[in-house]
């Protein structure tokens, strides 16, 4: 198979742009409409910044409120690097 043929056989909307349906816990933060993973992460950060949940001493840490604690698996604080893994549990 040639490289040109391989790129034309890919499905549109695959990968990061494929719409994913959020779980009820995640939908409380980002909405219930199917969204690409990139948009879900963007909306999560919008929520975190709007509610002042980024730790003031260590900007890499995110403090959980009631909605985020359910997404974070009950943890009070998570690293920003854990966020994609935690989100992946709440989408299908």
C-alpha atoms as a PDB file:
ATOM      1  CA  UNK A   1       0.000   0.000   0.000  1.00  0.00           C
ATOM      2  CA  UNK A   2       1.425   3.392  -0.908  1.00  0.00           C
ATOM      3  CA  UNK A   3       1.557   6.354   1.444  1.00  0.00           C
ATOM      4  CA  UNK A   4      -0.952   8.287  -0.677  1.00  0.00           C
ATOM      5  CA  UNK A   5      -3.420   5.421  -0.582  1.00  0.00           C
ATOM      6  CA  UNK A   6      -2.996   4.996   3.188  1.00  0.00           C
ATOM      7  CA  UNK A   7      -3.946   8.612   3.867  1.00  0.00           C
ATOM      8  CA  UNK A   8      -7.037   8.480   1.662  1.00  0.00           C
ATOM      9  CA  UNK A   9      -8.415   5.388   3.404  1.00  0.00           C
ATOM     10  CA  UNK A  10      -8.441   6.987   6.867  1.00  0.00           C
ATOM     11  CA  UNK A  11     -11.850   7.707   8.291  1.00  0.00           C
ATOM     12  CA  UNK A  12     -12.795  11.349   8.686  1.00  0.00           C
ATOM     13  CA  UNK A  13     -13.188  12.379  12.314  1.00  0.00           C
ATOM     14  CA  UNK A  14     -10.815   9.755  13.639  1.00  0.00           C
ATOM     15  CA  UNK A  15      -8.247  10.311  16.349  1.00  0.00           C
ATOM     16  CA  UNK A  16      -8.355  13.479  18.421  1.00  0.00           C
ATOM     17  CA  UNK A  17     -11.188  14.990  16.396  1.00  0.00           C
ATOM     18  CA  UNK A  18     -13.606  12.068  16.861  1.00  0.00           C
ATOM     19  CA  UNK A  19     -16.650  13.213  18.860  1.00  0.00           C
ATOM     20  CA  UNK A  20     -16.877  11.518  22.256  1.00  0.00           C
ATOM     21  CA  UNK A  21     -19.902  11.349  24.547  1.00  0.00           C
ATOM     22  CA  UNK A  22     -19.136  12.522  28.108  1.00  0.00           C
ATOM     23  CA  UNK A  23     -20.327  10.611  31.174  1.00  0.00           C
ATOM     24  CA  UNK A  24     -22.909  12.338  33.411  1.00  0.00           C
ATOM     25  CA  UNK A  25     -20.128  13.453  35.801  1.00  0.00           C
ATOM     26  CA  UNK A  26     -18.088  14.981  32.973  1.00  0.00           C
ATOM     27  CA  UNK A  27     -21.204  16.415  31.317  1.00  0.00           C
ATOM     28  CA  UNK A  28     -21.792  18.501  34.463  1.00  0.00           C
ATOM     29  CA  UNK A  29     -18.588  20.387  33.563  1.00  0.00           C
ATOM     30  CA  UNK A  30     -18.366  20.317  29.736  1.00  0.00           C
ATOM     31  CA  UNK A  31     -21.983  19.770  28.647  1.00  0.00           C
ATOM     32  CA  UNK A  32     -23.699  16.647  27.371  1.00  0.00           C
ATOM     33  CA  UNK A  33     -23.074  17.101  23.626  1.00  0.00           C
ATOM     34  CA  UNK A  34     -20.497  14.811  21.963  1.00  0.00           C
ATOM     35  CA  UNK A  35     -17.215  16.725  21.600  1.00  0.00           C
ATOM     36  CA  UNK A  36     -13.711  16.002  20.301  1.00  0.00           C
ATOM     37  CA  UNK A  37     -11.192  15.152  23.017  1.00  0.00           C
ATOM     38  CA  UNK A  38      -9.350  18.434  22.396  1.00  0.00           C
ATOM     39  CA  UNK A  39     -12.511  20.449  23.037  1.00  0.00           C
ATOM     40  CA  UNK A  40     -13.277  18.477  26.218  1.00  0.00           C
ATOM     41  CA  UNK A  41      -9.809  19.269  27.602  1.00  0.00           C
ATOM     42  CA  UNK A  42     -10.221  22.938  26.628  1.00  0.00           C
ATOM     43  CA  UNK A  43     -13.597  23.162  28.411  1.00  0.00           C
ATOM     44  CA  UNK A  44     -12.142  21.458  31.484  1.00  0.00           C
ATOM     45  CA  UNK A  45      -9.384  24.091  31.641  1.00  0.00           C
ATOM     46  CA  UNK A  46     -11.946  26.878  31.128  1.00  0.00           C
ATOM     47  CA  UNK A  47     -13.892  25.496  34.120  1.00  0.00           C
ATOM     48  CA  UNK A  48     -10.747  25.106  36.255  1.00  0.00           C
ATOM     49  CA  UNK A  49      -9.600  28.667  35.555  1.00  0.00           C
ATOM     50  CA  UNK A  50     -13.078  30.212  35.919  1.00  0.00           C
ATOM     51  CA  UNK A  51     -13.456  28.638  39.364  1.00  0.00           C
ATOM     52  CA  UNK A  52      -9.888  29.306  40.551  1.00  0.00           C
ATOM     53  CA  UNK A  53      -9.105  25.615  41.015  1.00  0.00           C
ATOM     54  CA  UNK A  54      -5.485  25.752  39.886  1.00  0.00           C
ATOM     55  CA  UNK A  55      -3.215  25.545  42.945  1.00  0.00           C
ATOM     56  CA  UNK A  56      -1.657  28.940  43.655  1.00  0.00           C
ATOM     57  CA  UNK A  57       1.664  27.536  44.921  1.00  0.00           C
ATOM     58  CA  UNK A  58       2.089  24.829  42.274  1.00  0.00           C
ATOM     59  CA  UNK A  59       0.344  25.692  39.008  1.00  0.00           C
ATOM     60  CA  UNK A  60       0.712  22.089  37.814  1.00  0.00           C
ATOM     61  CA  UNK A  61      -1.789  20.901  40.424  1.00  0.00           C
ATOM     62  CA  UNK A  62      -5.578  21.136  40.119  1.00  0.00           C
ATOM     63  CA  UNK A  63      -7.747  21.289  43.244  1.00  0.00           C
ATOM     64  CA  UNK A  64     -11.061  19.444  43.043  1.00  0.00           C
ATOM     65  CA  UNK A  65     -14.439  20.977  43.792  1.00  0.00           C
ATOM     66  CA  UNK A  66     -17.629  18.888  44.063  1.00  0.00           C
ATOM     67  CA  UNK A  67     -17.956  18.329  40.299  1.00  0.00           C
ATOM     68  CA  UNK A  68     -14.275  17.627  39.636  1.00  0.00           C
ATOM     69  CA  UNK A  69     -13.853  15.302  42.612  1.00  0.00           C
ATOM     70  CA  UNK A  70     -16.168  12.797  40.921  1.00  0.00           C
ATOM     71  CA  UNK A  71     -14.146  13.022  37.675  1.00  0.00           C
ATOM     72  CA  UNK A  72     -10.868  12.767  39.601  1.00  0.00           C
ATOM     73  CA  UNK A  73     -11.894   9.470  41.215  1.00  0.00           C
ATOM     74  CA  UNK A  74     -12.396  11.004  44.668  1.00  0.00           C
ATOM     75  CA  UNK A  75      -8.984  12.700  44.821  1.00  0.00           C
ATOM     76  CA  UNK A  76      -8.777  16.206  46.292  1.00  0.00           C
ATOM     77  CA  UNK A  77      -5.929  17.236  43.992  1.00  0.00           C
ATOM     78  CA  UNK A  78      -4.430  15.906  40.738  1.00  0.00           C
ATOM     79  CA  UNK A  79      -1.571  16.887  38.464  1.00  0.00           C
ATOM     80  CA  UNK A  80      -2.384  18.576  35.168  1.00  0.00           C
ATOM     81  CA  UNK A  81      -0.570  15.670  33.502  1.00  0.00           C
ATOM     82  CA  UNK A  82      -3.130  13.206  34.916  1.00  0.00           C
ATOM     83  CA  UNK A  83      -6.038  15.129  33.393  1.00  0.00           C
ATOM     84  CA  UNK A  84      -6.154  13.383  29.958  1.00  0.00           C
ATOM     85  CA  UNK A  85      -6.083   9.931  31.591  1.00  0.00           C
ATOM     86  CA  UNK A  86      -8.857  10.885  34.036  1.00  0.00           C
ATOM     87  CA  UNK A  87     -10.983  12.319  31.225  1.00  0.00           C
ATOM     88  CA  UNK A  88     -10.568   9.176  29.089  1.00  0.00           C
ATOM     89  CA  UNK A  89     -12.390   7.162  31.780  1.00  0.00           C
ATOM     90  CA  UNK A  90     -15.428   9.457  31.409  1.00  0.00           C
ATOM     91  CA  UNK A  91     -15.895   9.389  27.612  1.00  0.00           C
ATOM     92  CA  UNK A  92     -17.049   6.796  25.105  1.00  0.00           C
END
